[in-house]
Amino acid sequence: VYSLAVTGDPEYLGGQPSSWSSQVDDSAFNYDEDFNRLFIISTGNNRTISPYVDYWEQAHLSQIEDPAQAWHAITVGAYTELTTVDEYGYDEWSPFAEAGYVSPSARTSVNWGWKRQAPYKPELVAEAGNRLLSPDKQSLTEADTVSLLTTSGRTTGQLFETTRDSSAATAIVSNYAAQLMSEYSDLWPETIRGLLIHSAKWTDKMSQRFNALKTAHT
């Protein structure tokens, strides 16, 4: 299982294959060597989250980055359940995204120009943390209370630190994939991919939003 939490920024691709995504697809299938691989790739993050624009709208406008358009990889997006504000100094702050909705850093393929030929991305989402909105609604912050706890990569100092966004979500799904592959070592990577994607389900909030949109649009 390959966990790839790094992306490029050429949004002009609009879902089209690139040399990078094509190489991921080739390495995943790997016909010549008969050795398949499972790639778990992050969508990339919205780097300019605005407190003035609805986070769903920002997710629609922020295109998934290269090489997460690869057909044979699992692309992991960002959602959040973290809405508790219990950190010192943030008494009047509020969570930016509601629990069960996309994370403020989310990217999607909704705005891809090559949408008719490209795959649907992301295939699933995982916890990626939230942002806190200031009392005057003018600024956002990455507070620990709406981030994920992880072990520190530093050799000295604190043992734990926080992480967030699609990189954190990708690590979670990669962990699931590794556990499945270890437990069922005779299964193909494609089967593990199918198990992960088809066992995922929408949150209640996502289902409510979809039903509302389905009613409003053809």
C-alpha atoms as a PDB file:
ATOM      1  CA  VAL A   1       0.000   0.000   0.000  1.00  0.00           C
ATOM      2  CA  TYR A   2       1.451   3.341  -1.079  1.00  0.00           C
ATOM      3  CA  SER A   3       0.266   6.416   0.797  1.00  0.00           C
ATOM      4  CA  LEU A   4       0.811   9.502  -1.361  1.00  0.00           C
ATOM      5  CA  ALA A   5      -0.046  12.715   0.485  1.00  0.00           C
ATOM      6  CA  VAL A   6       1.676  15.083  -1.918  1.00  0.00           C
ATOM      7  CA  THR A   7       0.164  16.736  -4.988  1.00  0.00           C
ATOM      8  CA  GLY A   8       1.039  19.190  -7.710  1.00  0.00           C
ATOM      9  CA  ASP A   9      -0.893  22.345  -8.481  1.00  0.00           C
ATOM     10  CA  PRO A  10      -1.630  22.449 -12.244  1.00  0.00           C
ATOM     11  CA  GLU A  11      -5.384  23.021 -11.985  1.00  0.00           C
ATOM     12  CA  TYR A  12      -5.590  23.583 -15.717  1.00  0.00           C
ATOM     13  CA  LEU A  13      -5.512  19.793 -16.186  1.00  0.00           C
ATOM     14  CA  GLY A  14      -9.153  19.657 -15.143  1.00  0.00           C
ATOM     15  CA  GLY A  15      -9.118  15.875 -14.664  1.00  0.00           C
ATOM     16  CA  GLN A  16      -7.011  15.064 -17.719  1.00  0.00           C
ATOM     17  CA  PRO A  17      -4.238  12.474 -17.342  1.00  0.00           C
ATOM     18  CA  SER A  18      -0.730  13.770 -16.708  1.00  0.00           C
ATOM     19  CA  SER A  19       2.657  12.074 -16.904  1.00  0.00           C
ATOM     20  CA  TRP A  20       2.489  11.688 -13.113  1.00  0.00           C
ATOM     21  CA  SER A  21      -1.036  10.246 -12.908  1.00  0.00           C
ATOM     22  CA  SER A  22      -0.312   7.988 -15.896  1.00  0.00           C
ATOM     23  CA  GLN A  23       2.739   6.594 -14.138  1.00  0.00           C
ATOM     24  CA  VAL A  24       0.639   5.939 -11.022  1.00  0.00           C
ATOM     25  CA  ASP A  25      -1.896   4.077 -13.145  1.00  0.00           C
ATOM     26  CA  ASP A  26       0.855   2.076 -14.850  1.00  0.00           C
ATOM     27  CA  SER A  27       2.517   1.191 -11.532  1.00  0.00           C
ATOM     28  CA  ALA A  28      -0.807   0.201  -9.986  1.00  0.00           C
ATOM     29  CA  PHE A  29      -1.690  -2.182 -12.819  1.00  0.00           C
ATOM     30  CA  ASN A  30       1.926  -3.106 -13.634  1.00  0.00           C
ATOM     31  CA  TYR A  31       1.162  -5.526 -16.440  1.00  0.00           C
ATOM     32  CA  ASP A  32       4.809  -6.221 -17.306  1.00  0.00           C
ATOM     33  CA  GLU A  33       5.836  -7.415 -13.843  1.00  0.00           C
ATOM     34  CA  ASP A  34       2.518  -8.937 -12.708  1.00  0.00           C
ATOM     35  CA  PHE A  35       2.843  -7.126  -9.388  1.00  0.00           C
ATOM     36  CA  ASN A  36      -0.107  -4.870  -8.597  1.00  0.00           C
ATOM     37  CA  ARG A  37       0.045  -1.999  -6.126  1.00  0.00           C
ATOM     38  CA  LEU A  38      -2.581  -0.038  -4.250  1.00  0.00           C
ATOM     39  CA  PHE A  39      -2.082   3.736  -4.264  1.00  0.00           C
ATOM     40  CA  ILE A  40      -3.942   5.942  -1.785  1.00  0.00           C
ATOM     41  CA  ILE A  41      -3.664   9.586  -2.935  1.00  0.00           C
ATOM     42  CA  SER A  42      -4.822  12.814  -1.302  1.00  0.00           C
ATOM     43  CA  THR A  43      -6.984  15.278  -3.209  1.00  0.00           C
ATOM     44  CA  GLY A  44      -4.743  18.160  -2.219  1.00  0.00           C
ATOM     45  CA  ASN A  45      -6.029  21.037  -0.101  1.00  0.00           C
ATOM     46  CA  ASN A  46      -7.758  24.332  -0.649  1.00  0.00           C
ATOM     47  CA  ARG A  47      -4.928  26.668   0.357  1.00  0.00           C
ATOM     48  CA  THR A  48      -6.998  29.859   0.362  1.00  0.00           C
ATOM     49  CA  ILE A  49      -9.943  29.063   2.620  1.00  0.00           C
ATOM     50  CA  SER A  50     -12.143  32.142   2.918  1.00  0.00           C
ATOM     51  CA  PRO A  51     -14.338  32.883   5.939  1.00  0.00           C
ATOM     52  CA  TYR A  52     -16.721  34.786   3.635  1.00  0.00           C
ATOM     53  CA  VAL A  53     -17.610  31.953   1.224  1.00  0.00           C
ATOM     54  CA  ASP A  54     -19.617  28.814   2.006  1.00  0.00           C
ATOM     55  CA  TYR A  55     -17.234  25.868   2.419  1.00  0.00           C
ATOM     56  CA  TRP A  56     -19.290  23.692   0.070  1.00  0.00           C
ATOM     57  CA  GLU A  57     -18.930  26.307  -2.642  1.00  0.00           C
ATOM     58  CA  GLN A  58     -15.199  26.507  -1.987  1.00  0.00           C
ATOM     59  CA  ALA A  59     -14.927  22.715  -2.268  1.00  0.00           C
ATOM     60  CA  HIS A  60     -16.705  22.837  -5.638  1.00  0.00           C
ATOM     61  CA  LEU A  61     -14.401  25.535  -6.974  1.00  0.00           C
ATOM     62  CA  SER A  62     -11.184  23.901  -5.693  1.00  0.00           C
ATOM     63  CA  GLN A  63     -10.211  21.231  -8.208  1.00  0.00           C
ATOM     64  CA  ILE A  64      -8.526  17.988  -7.143  1.00  0.00           C
ATOM     65  CA  GLU A  65      -4.823  18.191  -7.841  1.00  0.00           C
ATOM     66  CA  ASP A  66      -2.405  16.096  -9.872  1.00  0.00           C
ATOM     67  CA  PRO A  67      -1.917  13.044  -9.682  1.00  0.00           C
ATOM     68  CA  ALA A  68      -5.169  12.314  -7.819  1.00  0.00           C
ATOM     69  CA  GLN A  69      -7.046  12.024 -11.143  1.00  0.00           C
ATOM     70  CA  ALA A  70      -5.374   8.612 -11.636  1.00  0.00           C
ATOM     71  CA  TRP A  71      -7.998   6.011 -12.520  1.00  0.00           C
ATOM     72  CA  HIS A  72      -6.493   3.049 -10.639  1.00  0.00           C
ATOM     73  CA  ALA A  73      -5.737   4.847  -7.374  1.00  0.00           C
ATOM     74  CA  ILE A  74      -8.037   5.585  -4.445  1.00  0.00           C
ATOM     75  CA  THR A  75      -8.371   9.332  -4.076  1.00  0.00           C
ATOM     76  CA  VAL A  76      -9.191  10.421  -0.538  1.00  0.00           C
ATOM     77  CA  GLY A  77     -11.089  13.602   0.197  1.00  0.00           C
ATOM     78  CA  ALA A  78     -11.689  15.555   3.390  1.00  0.00           C
ATOM     79  CA  TYR A  79     -14.706  15.643   5.673  1.00  0.00           C
ATOM     80  CA  THR A  80     -15.057  16.365   9.382  1.00  0.00           C
ATOM     81  CA  GLU A  81     -16.917  15.475  12.549  1.00  0.00           C
ATOM     82  CA  LEU A  82     -14.784  17.774  14.711  1.00  0.00           C
ATOM     83  CA  THR A  83     -16.913  20.664  15.954  1.00  0.00           C
ATOM     84  CA  THR A  84     -16.223  20.796  19.710  1.00  0.00           C
ATOM     85  CA  VAL A  85     -14.609  24.044  20.847  1.00  0.00           C
ATOM     86  CA  ASP A  86     -12.993  23.417  24.229  1.00  0.00           C
ATOM     87  CA  GLU A  87      -9.539  24.916  23.732  1.00  0.00           C
ATOM     88  CA  TYR A  88      -8.324  27.772  25.907  1.00  0.00           C
ATOM     89  CA  GLY A  89      -8.561  31.147  24.212  1.00  0.00           C
ATOM     90  CA  TYR A  90     -11.306  30.178  21.753  1.00  0.00           C
ATOM     91  CA  ASP A  91     -14.395  30.619  23.932  1.00  0.00           C
ATOM     92  CA  GLU A  92     -16.281  32.752  21.410  1.00  0.00           C
ATOM     93  CA  TRP A  93     -15.041  30.964  18.284  1.00  0.00           C
ATOM     94  CA  SER A  94     -17.273  28.542  16.352  1.00  0.00           C
ATOM     95  CA  PRO A  95     -16.637  25.604  13.994  1.00  0.00           C
ATOM     96  CA  PHE A  96     -16.592  26.706  10.351  1.00  0.00           C
ATOM     97  CA  ALA A  97     -17.953  23.455   8.882  1.00  0.00           C
ATOM     98  CA  GLU A  98     -20.858  21.500  10.355  1.00  0.00           C
ATOM     99  CA  ALA A  99     -20.278  17.966  11.594  1.00  0.00           C
ATOM    100  CA  GLY A 100     -20.744  15.395   8.834  1.00  0.00           C
ATOM    101  CA  TYR A 101     -19.991  17.803   5.992  1.00  0.00           C
ATOM    102  CA  VAL A 102     -16.894  18.389   3.875  1.00  0.00           C
ATOM    103  CA  SER A 103     -13.857  19.805   5.616  1.00  0.00           C
ATOM    104  CA  PRO A 104     -13.036  23.463   4.825  1.00  0.00           C
ATOM    105  CA  SER A 105      -9.853  22.314   3.056  1.00  0.00           C
ATOM    106  CA  ALA A 106     -11.736  19.961   0.711  1.00  0.00           C
ATOM    107  CA  ARG A 107     -11.188  19.726  -3.038  1.00  0.00           C
ATOM    108  CA  THR A 108     -13.523  17.971  -5.494  1.00  0.00           C
ATOM    109  CA  SER A 109     -13.846  17.108  -9.167  1.00  0.00           C
ATOM    110  CA  VAL A 110     -17.122  19.032  -9.557  1.00  0.00           C
ATOM    111  CA  ASN A 111     -15.417  21.826 -11.482  1.00  0.00           C
ATOM    112  CA  TRP A 112     -13.208  19.654 -13.705  1.00  0.00           C
ATOM    113  CA  GLY A 113     -13.343  20.780 -17.335  1.00  0.00           C
ATOM    114  CA  TRP A 114     -12.634  17.225 -18.523  1.00  0.00           C
ATOM    115  CA  LYS A 115     -15.445  15.854 -16.357  1.00  0.00           C
ATOM    116  CA  ARG A 116     -17.159  13.651 -18.950  1.00  0.00           C
ATOM    117  CA  GLN A 117     -14.018  11.568 -19.551  1.00  0.00           C
ATOM    118  CA  ALA A 118     -12.495  11.679 -16.057  1.00  0.00           C
ATOM    119  CA  PRO A 119     -13.338   9.362 -13.149  1.00  0.00           C
ATOM    120  CA  TYR A 120     -15.450  10.467 -10.206  1.00  0.00           C
ATOM    121  CA  LYS A 121     -13.145  11.726  -7.467  1.00  0.00           C
ATOM    122  CA  PRO A 122     -12.699  11.404  -4.563  1.00  0.00           C
ATOM    123  CA  GLU A 123     -13.917   7.838  -4.112  1.00  0.00           C
ATOM    124  CA  LEU A 124     -14.215   8.293  -0.362  1.00  0.00           C
ATOM    125  CA  VAL A 125     -13.505  10.790   2.393  1.00  0.00           C
ATOM    126  CA  ALA A 126     -12.042  10.561   5.891  1.00  0.00           C
ATOM    127  CA  GLU A 127     -11.623  12.804   8.905  1.00  0.00           C
ATOM    128  CA  ALA A 128      -9.501  15.807   8.001  1.00  0.00           C
ATOM    129  CA  GLY A 129     -10.242  18.297  10.735  1.00  0.00           C
ATOM    130  CA  ASN A 130     -12.044  21.607  10.726  1.00  0.00           C
ATOM    131  CA  ARG A 131     -11.356  25.324  11.160  1.00  0.00           C
ATOM    132  CA  LEU A 132     -12.600  27.736  13.805  1.00  0.00           C
ATOM    133  CA  LEU A 133     -14.339  30.953  12.792  1.00  0.00           C
ATOM    134  CA  SER A 134     -13.633  34.099  14.798  1.00  0.00           C
ATOM    135  CA  PRO A 135     -16.456  35.861  16.691  1.00  0.00           C
ATOM    136  CA  ASP A 136     -16.486  38.693  14.135  1.00  0.00           C
ATOM    137  CA  LYS A 137     -16.635  36.149  11.258  1.00  0.00           C
ATOM    138  CA  GLN A 138     -13.524  37.703   9.704  1.00  0.00           C
ATOM    139  CA  SER A 139     -10.828  35.032  10.186  1.00  0.00           C
ATOM    140  CA  LEU A 140     -10.198  31.295  10.495  1.00  0.00           C
ATOM    141  CA  THR A 141      -7.689  29.334  12.560  1.00  0.00           C
ATOM    142  CA  GLU A 142      -6.257  25.798  12.705  1.00  0.00           C
ATOM    143  CA  ALA A 143      -6.889  25.128  16.383  1.00  0.00           C
ATOM    144  CA  ASP A 144      -5.793  21.895  18.042  1.00  0.00           C
ATOM    145  CA  THR A 145      -9.354  21.198  19.171  1.00  0.00           C
ATOM    146  CA  VAL A 146     -10.501  20.705  15.546  1.00  0.00           C
ATOM    147  CA  SER A 147      -7.350  18.885  14.392  1.00  0.00           C
ATOM    148  CA  LEU A 148      -6.235  15.250  14.639  1.00  0.00           C
ATOM    149  CA  LEU A 149      -3.686  14.013  17.162  1.00  0.00           C
ATOM    150  CA  THR A 150      -0.684  12.082  15.837  1.00  0.00           C
ATOM    151  CA  THR A 151       2.828  11.110  16.858  1.00  0.00           C
ATOM    152  CA  SER A 152       5.537  13.673  16.252  1.00  0.00           C
ATOM    153  CA  GLY A 153       8.187  13.150  13.598  1.00  0.00           C
ATOM    154  CA  ARG A 154      10.731  15.134  15.596  1.00  0.00           C
ATOM    155  CA  THR A 155      13.623  13.370  17.315  1.00  0.00           C
ATOM    156  CA  THR A 156      13.505  15.718  20.315  1.00  0.00           C
ATOM    157  CA  GLY A 157      10.840  17.660  22.152  1.00  0.00           C
ATOM    158  CA  GLN A 158       7.151  16.826  22.194  1.00  0.00           C
ATOM    159  CA  LEU A 159       6.004  13.297  21.399  1.00  0.00           C
ATOM    160  CA  PHE A 160       2.678  14.314  19.878  1.00  0.00           C
ATOM    161  CA  GLU A 161       1.473  16.974  17.489  1.00  0.00           C
ATOM    162  CA  THR A 162      -1.604  17.732  15.401  1.00  0.00           C
ATOM    163  CA  THR A 163      -2.318  17.053  11.742  1.00  0.00           C
ATOM    164  CA  ARG A 164      -5.193  17.892   9.420  1.00  0.00           C
ATOM    165  CA  ASP A 165      -6.541  18.169   5.874  1.00  0.00           C
ATOM    166  CA  SER A 166      -6.348  15.596   3.080  1.00  0.00           C
ATOM    167  CA  SER A 167      -2.929  14.324   4.187  1.00  0.00           C
ATOM    168  CA  ALA A 168      -4.408  13.191   7.495  1.00  0.00           C
ATOM    169  CA  ALA A 169      -7.424  11.653   5.738  1.00  0.00           C
ATOM    170  CA  THR A 170      -5.126   9.778   3.344  1.00  0.00           C
ATOM    171  CA  ALA A 171      -3.134   8.346   6.251  1.00  0.00           C
ATOM    172  CA  ILE A 172      -6.348   7.050   7.854  1.00  0.00           C
ATOM    173  CA  VAL A 173      -7.512   5.280   4.687  1.00  0.00           C
ATOM    174  CA  SER A 174      -3.990   3.922   4.034  1.00  0.00           C
ATOM    175  CA  ASN A 175      -4.078   2.417   7.504  1.00  0.00           C
ATOM    176  CA  TYR A 176      -7.393   0.715   6.720  1.00  0.00           C
ATOM    177  CA  ALA A 177      -5.982  -0.645   3.464  1.00  0.00           C
ATOM    178  CA  ALA A 178      -2.819  -1.935   5.133  1.00  0.00           C
ATOM    179  CA  GLN A 179      -4.825  -3.729   7.816  1.00  0.00           C
ATOM    180  CA  LEU A 180      -7.072  -5.364   5.221  1.00  0.00           C
ATOM    181  CA  MET A 181      -4.130  -6.403   3.066  1.00  0.00           C
ATOM    182  CA  SER A 182      -2.344  -7.865   6.098  1.00  0.00           C
ATOM    183  CA  GLU A 183      -5.428  -9.775   7.245  1.00  0.00           C
ATOM    184  CA  TYR A 184      -6.389 -10.998   3.759  1.00  0.00           C
ATOM    185  CA  SER A 185      -3.024 -11.331   2.047  1.00  0.00           C
ATOM    186  CA  ASP A 186      -4.430 -13.500  -0.755  1.00  0.00           C
ATOM    187  CA  LEU A 187      -6.697 -10.710  -2.033  1.00  0.00           C
ATOM    188  CA  TRP A 188      -5.684  -8.544  -4.972  1.00  0.00           C
ATOM    189  CA  PRO A 189      -5.052  -4.833  -4.341  1.00  0.00           C
ATOM    190  CA  GLU A 190      -8.043  -4.157  -6.617  1.00  0.00           C
ATOM    191  CA  THR A 191     -10.217  -6.170  -4.241  1.00  0.00           C
ATOM    192  CA  ILE A 192      -8.982  -4.208  -1.238  1.00  0.00           C
ATOM    193  CA  ARG A 193      -9.746  -1.037  -3.177  1.00  0.00           C
ATOM    194  CA  GLY A 194     -13.280  -2.275  -3.862  1.00  0.00           C
ATOM    195  CA  LEU A 195     -13.847  -3.240  -0.226  1.00  0.00           C
ATOM    196  CA  LEU A 196     -12.814   0.205   0.986  1.00  0.00           C
ATOM    197  CA  ILE A 197     -14.854   2.174  -1.526  1.00  0.00           C
ATOM    198  CA  HIS A 198     -18.026   0.093  -1.446  1.00  0.00           C
ATOM    199  CA  SER A 199     -18.130  -0.130   2.346  1.00  0.00           C
ATOM    200  CA  ALA A 200     -18.002   3.664   2.652  1.00  0.00           C
ATOM    201  CA  LYS A 201     -21.285   5.492   3.141  1.00  0.00           C
ATOM    202  CA  TRP A 202     -22.487   9.065   3.231  1.00  0.00           C
ATOM    203  CA  THR A 203     -23.131  10.813   6.516  1.00  0.00           C
ATOM    204  CA  ASP A 204     -26.715  11.808   7.296  1.00  0.00           C
ATOM    205  CA  LYS A 205     -25.836  15.428   6.538  1.00  0.00           C
ATOM    206  CA  MET A 206     -24.446  14.485   3.119  1.00  0.00           C
ATOM    207  CA  SER A 207     -27.590  12.480   2.306  1.00  0.00           C
ATOM    208  CA  GLN A 208     -29.794  15.399   3.331  1.00  0.00           C
ATOM    209  CA  ARG A 209     -27.821  17.768   1.120  1.00  0.00           C
ATOM    210  CA  PHE A 210     -27.973  15.374  -1.837  1.00  0.00           C
ATOM    211  CA  ASN A 211     -31.746  14.957  -1.494  1.00  0.00           C
ATOM    212  CA  ALA A 212     -32.206  18.730  -1.353  1.00  0.00           C
ATOM    213  CA  LEU A 213     -30.089  19.211  -4.473  1.00  0.00           C
ATOM    214  CA  LYS A 214     -31.893  16.396  -6.270  1.00  0.00           C
ATOM    215  CA  THR A 215     -35.204  18.111  -5.564  1.00  0.00           C
ATOM    216  CA  ALA A 216     -33.944  21.491  -6.748  1.00  0.00           C
ATOM    217  CA  HIS A 217     -32.265  20.311  -9.966  1.00  0.00           C
ATOM    218  CA  THR A 218     -32.989  17.963 -12.849  1.00  0.00           C
END
